[in-house]
């Protein structure tokens, strides 16, 4: 019983840290709410490093992912006849602070990712929430900026799942040795 309580508490702390980091990243980019791409970037900064290890095993860096996000956004705008130079001028980060809501709000992609993270409690009964779980949840997405960025990088959902699962398994085997 105590172990279950301990796991739930640690998961809540991890999720709170993830949400705070994602929101900060969104605000740095001039966005009021984080999307799944911000949660992925936030996961790379979590202390367990399983998401960062998964990225490394795919030969992927945080900067490459950010560049792919920017490129897919530029491609999407160009497809409807909007030049990215015009958008860059109007999309400068605001000097005014973004309003804080009493409730935590995300973009729809962020909301579905957090929901999938919460649902993983049922399948990961023996371990804590890890940053690689964010990648596992992101691999289930369709039609999001993150999905298109991974496609642009030549990374399939299956490859993302395999890399994330491998980093979780590596962590599990290391913790069993200690």
Protein backbone atom coordinates (compact mmCIF):
# COMPACT_ATOMS: atom_id res chain seq x y z
CA UNK A 1 0.00 0.00 0.00
CA UNK A 2 2.81 2.40 0.91
CA UNK A 3 4.61 1.64 -2.39
CA UNK A 4 1.46 2.47 -4.35
CA UNK A 5 1.10 5.79 -2.53
CA UNK A 6 4.80 6.54 -3.06
CA UNK A 7 4.51 5.82 -6.80
CA UNK A 8 1.41 7.99 -7.19
CA UNK A 9 3.07 10.86 -5.34
CA UNK A 10 6.22 10.66 -7.44
CA UNK A 11 4.18 10.41 -10.65
CA UNK A 12 2.23 13.53 -9.64
CA UNK A 13 5.50 15.37 -8.98
CA UNK A 14 6.91 14.30 -12.35
CA UNK A 15 3.73 15.33 -14.16
CA UNK A 16 3.70 18.71 -12.39
CA UNK A 17 7.33 19.32 -13.39
CA UNK A 18 6.59 18.24 -16.97
CA UNK A 19 3.58 20.58 -17.21
CA UNK A 20 5.52 23.51 -15.77
CA UNK A 21 8.41 23.00 -18.19
CA UNK A 22 6.05 22.58 -21.17
CA UNK A 23 4.17 25.74 -20.26
CA UNK A 24 7.43 27.68 -19.87
CA UNK A 25 8.62 26.48 -23.28
CA UNK A 26 5.33 27.48 -24.90
CA UNK A 27 5.50 30.94 -23.32
CA UNK A 28 9.11 31.37 -24.51
CA UNK A 29 7.81 30.77 -28.03
CA UNK A 30 5.01 33.30 -27.59
CA UNK A 31 2.30 30.66 -27.25
CA UNK A 32 -0.26 30.82 -24.46
CA UNK A 33 -0.76 27.06 -24.15
CA UNK A 34 1.63 24.13 -24.58
CA UNK A 35 1.10 21.52 -27.26
CA UNK A 36 2.49 18.00 -27.39
CA UNK A 37 5.70 19.35 -28.95
CA UNK A 38 6.33 21.37 -25.79
CA UNK A 39 5.77 18.28 -23.64
CA UNK A 40 8.30 16.35 -25.73
CA UNK A 41 10.86 19.13 -25.35
CA UNK A 42 10.09 19.33 -21.61
CA UNK A 43 10.55 15.56 -21.28
CA UNK A 44 14.09 15.93 -22.60
CA UNK A 45 14.88 18.10 -19.57
CA UNK A 46 13.49 15.73 -16.92
CA UNK A 47 16.12 14.24 -14.58
CA UNK A 48 15.52 10.56 -15.43
CA UNK A 49 16.94 11.24 -18.95
CA UNK A 50 15.08 8.31 -20.57
CA UNK A 51 13.59 10.58 -23.27
CA UNK A 52 17.01 12.11 -23.95
CA UNK A 53 18.51 8.60 -24.22
CA UNK A 54 15.77 7.58 -26.65
CA UNK A 55 16.48 10.66 -28.80
CA UNK A 56 20.21 9.86 -28.72
CA UNK A 57 19.59 6.25 -29.78
CA UNK A 58 17.68 7.61 -32.79
CA UNK A 59 20.59 9.91 -33.61
CA UNK A 60 18.34 12.87 -32.83
CA UNK A 61 19.11 16.05 -30.91
CA UNK A 62 16.74 18.51 -29.31
CA UNK A 63 17.85 21.15 -31.83
CA UNK A 64 17.09 18.87 -34.78
CA UNK A 65 13.60 18.28 -33.39
CA UNK A 66 13.07 22.03 -32.92
CA UNK A 67 14.32 22.67 -36.46
CA UNK A 68 11.93 20.03 -37.82
CA UNK A 69 9.06 21.64 -35.89
CA UNK A 70 9.92 25.01 -37.43
CA UNK A 71 10.25 23.48 -40.91
CA UNK A 72 6.90 21.67 -40.75
CA UNK A 73 5.25 24.89 -39.56
CA UNK A 74 6.84 26.80 -42.42
CA UNK A 75 5.72 24.11 -44.90
CA UNK A 76 2.15 24.23 -43.56
CA UNK A 77 2.01 28.01 -43.90
CA UNK A 78 3.53 27.91 -47.40
CA UNK A 79 0.90 25.36 -48.47
CA UNK A 80 -1.78 28.01 -47.89
CA UNK A 81 0.26 30.82 -49.46
CA UNK A 82 1.64 32.48 -46.34
CA UNK A 83 5.30 33.40 -46.33
CA UNK A 84 7.20 32.56 -43.17
CA UNK A 85 9.01 35.90 -43.21
CA UNK A 86 5.68 37.69 -42.77
CA UNK A 87 4.80 35.37 -39.90
CA UNK A 88 8.18 35.81 -38.20
CA UNK A 89 7.57 39.56 -37.98
CA UNK A 90 4.14 39.08 -36.40
CA UNK A 91 5.09 36.11 -34.20
CA UNK A 92 7.67 37.78 -32.01
CA UNK A 93 7.49 36.83 -28.34
CA UNK A 94 5.34 39.31 -26.50
CA UNK A 95 6.94 41.69 -24.03
CA UNK A 96 3.70 41.54 -22.07
CA UNK A 97 3.26 38.64 -19.67
CA UNK A 98 0.77 36.05 -20.82
CA UNK A 99 -2.32 35.84 -18.61
CA UNK A 100 -2.36 33.01 -16.10
CA UNK A 101 -5.47 30.90 -15.90
CA UNK A 102 -6.72 29.38 -12.67
CA UNK A 103 -6.89 26.03 -14.49
CA UNK A 104 -4.04 24.39 -16.35
CA UNK A 105 -4.73 24.69 -20.08
CA UNK A 106 -3.04 23.10 -23.07
CA UNK A 107 -3.50 22.91 -26.81
CA UNK A 108 -5.63 19.90 -27.86
CA UNK A 109 -2.48 17.88 -28.68
CA UNK A 110 -1.11 18.59 -25.20
CA UNK A 111 -4.39 17.61 -23.58
CA UNK A 112 -4.54 14.26 -25.37
CA UNK A 113 -0.89 13.55 -24.57
CA UNK A 114 -1.41 14.24 -20.85
CA UNK A 115 -4.53 12.05 -20.92
CA UNK A 116 -2.53 9.19 -22.46
CA UNK A 117 0.16 9.66 -19.80
CA UNK A 118 -2.48 9.34 -17.07
CA UNK A 119 -3.80 6.18 -18.71
CA UNK A 120 -0.34 4.56 -18.58
CA UNK A 121 -0.77 4.10 -14.83
CA UNK A 122 -2.74 0.95 -15.62
CA UNK A 123 0.07 -0.63 -17.63
CA UNK A 124 3.11 0.51 -15.66
CA UNK A 125 2.08 -0.71 -12.24
CA UNK A 126 5.62 -1.56 -11.16
CA UNK A 127 7.45 1.66 -12.03
CA UNK A 128 7.33 5.45 -11.86
CA UNK A 129 6.32 7.79 -14.69
CA UNK A 130 9.39 8.48 -16.84
CA UNK A 131 10.22 11.04 -19.51
CA UNK A 132 10.27 8.24 -22.09
CA UNK A 133 6.56 7.73 -21.36
CA UNK A 134 6.00 11.13 -23.01
CA UNK A 135 7.58 9.77 -26.20
CA UNK A 136 5.48 6.61 -25.96
CA UNK A 137 2.36 8.78 -25.69
CA UNK A 138 3.51 11.05 -28.53
CA UNK A 139 4.02 8.03 -30.79
CA UNK A 140 0.26 7.46 -30.64
CA UNK A 141 -0.52 10.92 -32.04
CA UNK A 142 -1.83 11.69 -35.50
CA UNK A 143 -1.84 15.03 -37.31
CA UNK A 144 0.08 17.07 -34.73
CA UNK A 145 3.13 19.27 -35.19
CA UNK A 146 5.16 16.65 -33.32
CA UNK A 147 4.01 13.86 -35.64
CA UNK A 148 4.91 15.91 -38.71
CA UNK A 149 8.29 16.87 -37.22
CA UNK A 150 9.17 13.23 -36.56
CA UNK A 151 8.06 12.35 -40.11
CA UNK A 152 10.26 15.14 -41.49
CA UNK A 153 13.17 13.60 -39.54
CA UNK A 154 12.41 10.16 -40.98
CA UNK A 155 11.37 8.71 -37.62
CA UNK A 156 8.31 6.47 -37.60
CA UNK A 157 6.04 5.99 -34.59
CA UNK A 158 7.35 2.41 -34.31
CA UNK A 159 10.95 3.63 -34.16
CA UNK A 160 10.01 6.17 -31.49
CA UNK A 161 8.27 3.46 -29.42
CA UNK A 162 11.24 1.09 -29.76
CA UNK A 163 13.74 3.76 -28.70
CA UNK A 164 11.63 4.90 -25.74
CA UNK A 165 10.96 1.34 -24.59
CA UNK A 166 14.66 0.49 -24.87
CA UNK A 167 15.60 3.44 -22.66
CA UNK A 168 12.99 2.38 -20.07
CA UNK A 169 14.31 -1.19 -20.15
CA UNK A 170 17.89 0.07 -19.76
CA UNK A 171 16.86 2.08 -16.72
CA UNK A 172 15.00 -0.92 -15.28
CA UNK A 173 18.02 -3.20 -15.72
CA UNK A 174 20.35 -0.59 -14.16
CA UNK A 175 18.08 -0.13 -11.14
CA UNK A 176 17.88 -3.89 -10.63
CA UNK A 177 21.69 -4.06 -10.51
CA UNK A 178 21.82 -1.51 -7.67
